[in-house]
Protein backbone atom coordinates (compact mmCIF):
# COMPACT_ATOMS: atom_id res chain seq x y z
CA UNK A 1 -47.85 52.43 51.43
CA UNK A 2 -45.30 51.81 54.48
CA UNK A 3 -42.28 49.59 55.52
CA UNK A 4 -41.69 49.38 58.42
CA UNK A 5 -38.04 47.64 59.74
CA UNK A 6 -36.44 46.77 63.14
CA UNK A 7 -34.78 50.50 62.32
CA UNK A 8 -37.70 52.37 61.91
CA UNK A 9 -40.22 52.73 58.85
CA UNK A 10 -38.92 54.39 55.42
CA UNK A 11 -40.20 57.64 54.70
CA UNK A 12 -43.42 57.35 52.52
CA UNK A 13 -41.50 59.81 49.73
CA UNK A 14 -38.95 56.38 49.24
CA UNK A 15 -41.44 53.89 48.55
CA UNK A 16 -43.45 54.06 45.03
CA UNK A 17 -46.74 51.70 44.55
CA UNK A 18 -46.91 49.88 40.36
CA UNK A 19 -49.39 47.88 39.73
CA UNK A 20 -50.62 47.02 43.57
CA UNK A 21 -46.79 46.37 44.04
CA UNK A 22 -44.41 47.97 46.11
CA UNK A 23 -40.90 49.02 45.27
CA UNK A 24 -38.14 51.02 47.23
CA UNK A 25 -36.76 54.05 45.84
CA UNK A 26 -32.99 54.34 45.64
CA UNK A 27 -32.77 56.84 48.56
CA UNK A 28 -34.60 54.26 50.71
CA UNK A 29 -32.34 52.05 50.46
CA UNK A 30 -29.64 54.73 51.68
CA UNK A 31 -31.83 56.00 53.85
CA UNK A 32 -31.78 52.64 55.90
CA UNK A 33 -28.51 51.74 55.12
CA UNK A 34 -27.61 55.00 57.24
CA UNK A 35 -30.17 53.78 60.18
CA UNK A 36 -28.00 50.33 60.99
CA UNK A 37 -24.22 51.64 59.90
CA UNK A 38 -21.87 53.65 57.28
CA UNK A 39 -22.03 52.10 54.16
CA UNK A 40 -19.29 51.85 51.21
CA UNK A 41 -19.02 50.41 48.18
CA UNK A 42 -17.10 49.65 44.90
CA UNK A 43 -18.08 48.70 41.21
CA UNK A 44 -16.65 47.75 38.08
CA UNK A 45 -17.28 47.51 34.53
CA UNK A 46 -17.31 43.53 33.75
CA UNK A 47 -19.05 42.78 30.74
CA UNK A 48 -17.65 40.35 28.55
CA UNK A 49 -19.96 41.73 25.32
CA UNK A 50 -20.93 45.47 26.49
CA UNK A 51 -22.32 45.50 22.70
CA UNK A 52 -25.00 43.00 24.16
CA UNK A 53 -25.16 43.62 27.63
CA UNK A 54 -23.50 45.66 30.06
CA UNK A 55 -22.29 44.30 33.39
CA UNK A 56 -21.59 46.09 37.08
CA UNK A 57 -20.18 44.40 39.85
CA UNK A 58 -20.73 46.34 43.11
CA UNK A 59 -18.27 44.71 45.99
CA UNK A 60 -20.41 46.18 49.31
CA UNK A 61 -19.66 46.55 52.68
CA UNK A 62 -22.08 47.78 55.78
CA UNK A 63 -20.29 48.61 58.85
CA UNK A 64 -22.71 48.41 61.73
CA UNK A 65 -23.49 50.85 64.33
CA UNK A 66 -24.28 50.43 68.31
CA UNK A 67 -28.11 50.28 67.24
CA UNK A 68 -27.91 47.43 64.94
CA UNK A 69 -25.63 45.46 66.95
CA UNK A 70 -28.47 46.11 70.00
CA UNK A 71 -31.53 45.57 67.68
CA UNK A 72 -29.81 42.14 66.47
CA UNK A 73 -28.51 40.97 69.73
CA UNK A 74 -24.74 41.23 68.81
CA UNK A 75 -22.45 41.89 71.42
CA UNK A 76 -19.46 44.37 70.32
CA UNK A 77 -17.11 41.19 71.42
CA UNK A 78 -18.77 38.57 69.44
CA UNK A 79 -16.85 37.41 66.97
CA UNK A 80 -19.93 37.42 64.54
CA UNK A 81 -18.46 40.79 63.75
CA UNK A 82 -15.96 39.33 61.91
CA UNK A 83 -18.58 38.67 58.90
CA UNK A 84 -19.26 41.98 58.05
CA UNK A 85 -15.77 42.32 57.12
CA UNK A 86 -16.28 40.32 54.24
CA UNK A 87 -18.16 42.10 51.42
CA UNK A 88 -21.25 41.07 49.96
CA UNK A 89 -20.68 41.03 45.77
CA UNK A 90 -23.85 41.25 43.67
CA UNK A 91 -24.32 42.18 39.93
CA UNK A 92 -26.63 45.04 37.67
CA UNK A 93 -26.93 44.30 34.04
CA UNK A 94 -29.18 46.42 31.66
CA UNK A 95 -29.83 44.99 27.77
CA UNK A 96 -32.34 45.40 24.85
CA UNK A 97 -35.04 43.07 27.20
CA UNK A 98 -34.49 44.94 30.88
CA UNK A 99 -34.37 48.57 29.28
CA UNK A 100 -36.58 51.11 28.13
CA UNK A 101 -35.39 51.94 24.61
CA UNK A 102 -35.23 55.88 25.02
CA UNK A 103 -33.19 55.04 28.11
CA UNK A 104 -30.36 53.13 26.06
CA UNK A 105 -28.11 56.36 26.58
CA UNK A 106 -27.39 56.00 29.68
CA UNK A 107 -27.15 51.71 29.88
CA UNK A 108 -23.74 51.84 31.49
CA UNK A 109 -24.68 53.67 34.66
CA UNK A 110 -28.29 51.97 35.10
CA UNK A 111 -26.28 48.84 35.09
CA UNK A 112 -24.03 50.05 37.88
CA UNK A 113 -26.55 51.40 39.67
CA UNK A 114 -28.74 48.41 39.82
CA UNK A 115 -25.56 46.01 40.95
CA UNK A 116 -25.41 49.06 43.55
CA UNK A 117 -29.58 48.85 44.65
CA UNK A 118 -29.09 45.28 44.81
CA UNK A 119 -25.98 45.25 46.86
CA UNK A 120 -27.98 47.42 49.66
CA UNK A 121 -30.91 45.29 49.76
CA UNK A 122 -29.20 42.46 50.39
CA UNK A 123 -27.23 44.13 53.09
CA UNK A 124 -30.12 46.17 54.69
CA UNK A 125 -32.06 42.75 54.76
CA UNK A 126 -34.57 44.84 52.49
CA UNK A 127 -37.26 42.64 51.07
CA UNK A 128 -38.75 45.26 48.34
CA UNK A 129 -37.61 45.17 44.77
CA UNK A 130 -35.79 48.29 43.71
CA UNK A 131 -37.54 50.77 41.48
CA UNK A 132 -34.28 50.70 39.57
CA UNK A 133 -34.98 46.89 38.71
CA UNK A 134 -37.52 47.86 36.74
CA UNK A 135 -37.64 47.77 33.26
CA UNK A 136 -39.89 50.95 32.83
CA UNK A 137 -37.95 52.94 35.25
CA UNK A 138 -37.99 56.05 33.91
CA UNK A 139 -33.70 57.25 34.61
CA UNK A 140 -33.33 60.76 35.84
CA UNK A 141 -29.14 60.97 36.06
CA UNK A 142 -28.79 64.03 37.92
CA UNK A 143 -31.30 63.25 40.74
CA UNK A 144 -29.69 59.72 41.00
CA UNK A 145 -26.09 61.35 41.12
CA UNK A 146 -27.66 63.79 44.00
CA UNK A 147 -28.96 61.42 46.38
CA UNK A 148 -25.81 58.73 46.05
CA UNK A 149 -23.37 62.16 46.78
CA UNK A 150 -25.51 63.19 49.73
CA UNK A 151 -24.86 59.55 51.12
CA UNK A 152 -21.47 59.98 50.60
CA UNK A 153 -21.46 57.25 47.89
CA UNK A 154 -19.64 58.13 44.60
CA UNK A 155 -20.45 56.79 41.16
CA UNK A 156 -17.76 57.47 38.82
CA UNK A 157 -19.71 56.82 35.79
CA UNK A 158 -22.81 58.37 37.36
CA UNK A 159 -20.88 61.42 37.83
CA UNK A 160 -19.06 61.96 34.68
CA UNK A 161 -22.65 60.61 32.88
CA UNK A 162 -20.31 59.29 29.86
CA UNK A 163 -21.13 56.25 27.83
CA UNK A 164 -17.52 55.50 26.25
CA UNK A 165 -19.54 54.29 22.84
CA UNK A 166 -21.23 57.65 22.70
CA UNK A 167 -19.22 61.01 20.78
CA UNK A 168 -17.93 62.93 23.40
CA UNK A 169 -19.16 66.59 23.29
CA UNK A 170 -15.93 69.02 24.70
CA UNK A 171 -12.71 67.89 26.33
CA UNK A 172 -13.15 66.48 29.48
CA UNK A 173 -15.79 63.98 28.06
CA UNK A 174 -13.27 62.96 25.34
CA UNK A 175 -10.59 62.30 28.50
CA UNK A 176 -12.85 60.18 30.48
CA UNK A 177 -14.01 58.45 27.41
CA UNK A 178 -10.64 57.63 26.86
CA UNK A 179 -9.70 56.46 30.31
CA UNK A 180 -12.40 54.51 30.47
CA UNK A 181 -11.44 52.63 26.94
CA UNK A 182 -7.90 51.83 28.59
CA UNK A 183 -9.29 50.14 31.93
CA UNK A 184 -11.42 47.84 29.16
CA UNK A 185 -8.84 46.58 27.28
CA UNK A 186 -4.48 45.80 27.67
CA UNK A 187 -4.26 46.19 23.56
CA UNK A 188 -5.87 49.81 23.98
CA UNK A 189 -3.58 50.54 27.19
CA UNK A 190 -0.26 49.86 25.36
CA UNK A 191 -1.18 52.12 22.69
CA UNK A 192 -2.49 55.44 24.59
CA UNK A 193 0.97 54.73 26.43
CA UNK A 194 2.74 54.81 22.67
CA UNK A 195 0.70 57.88 21.09
CA UNK A 196 1.72 59.46 24.35
CA UNK A 197 5.08 59.10 24.14
CA UNK A 198 5.31 60.06 20.31
CA UNK A 199 3.63 63.14 21.05
CA UNK A 200 5.99 64.00 24.06
CA UNK A 201 2.69 64.03 26.52
CA UNK A 202 3.05 62.64 29.61
CA UNK A 203 -0.47 62.60 30.35
CA UNK A 204 -4.00 63.05 28.31
CA UNK A 205 -4.51 66.59 29.58
CA UNK A 206 -1.53 67.39 27.44
CA UNK A 207 -2.64 66.78 24.05
CA UNK A 208 -4.27 69.16 22.20
CA UNK A 209 -7.74 68.73 21.47
CA UNK A 210 -7.74 67.22 17.45
CA UNK A 211 -5.06 64.76 19.52
CA UNK A 212 -7.28 63.28 21.58
CA UNK A 213 -9.76 63.16 19.23
CA UNK A 214 -7.64 61.54 17.00
CA UNK A 215 -6.47 59.01 20.16
CA UNK A 216 -10.27 58.51 20.70
CA UNK A 217 -11.46 57.35 17.48
CA UNK A 218 -8.41 54.92 17.09
CA UNK A 219 -9.06 53.43 20.81
CA UNK A 220 -12.90 52.58 19.36
CA UNK A 221 -11.02 50.95 16.32
CA UNK A 222 -8.76 48.58 18.40
CA UNK A 223 -11.85 47.88 20.82
CA UNK A 224 -13.41 46.59 18.05
CA UNK A 225 -10.80 44.11 16.72
């Protein structure tokens, strides 16, 4: 089981075979990107109906290193370098048809992960499908977060591991959930600002636990209207 590129062979631990077909793991794509240059990306939730399907958008850039330019035969003064300033935009989705039922609690971060995986595949020219894109993929949040962190990528939803539709477990999660809802609905954002003003609080962290729960519950009601 090997996958040889112009920039080296992807380490075998980053490759898997399912039913005779080879797939690349997230770490393998990050490894390949690091051979070619510096990868950075921005992600955002662009879901239209999150109750039906989560859609994440990834805007990514791969700034080539000297090795990449040499292998690809691109001169450092070439106007072709301008194309690297333009981002590649991809999308990742999760819905009942492409995600295991027991993975449902992680559907938001899985959609984000798939968007990044597809982004990396295009930018690195990797022809293998990503393991994370399989509907049978057994998602392990902590492992993915660590892999991304080691590559210098911060995945907001992955780090927080919080689905805005799930009941938060502690104060920090309530704040993260409210912030997430605020970014998805202008009416919710207006209500949150009004709620803070009404309780003489400049920020969510200044609210008591009962008030945070009350605000969260109201935000969910507004989202469903």
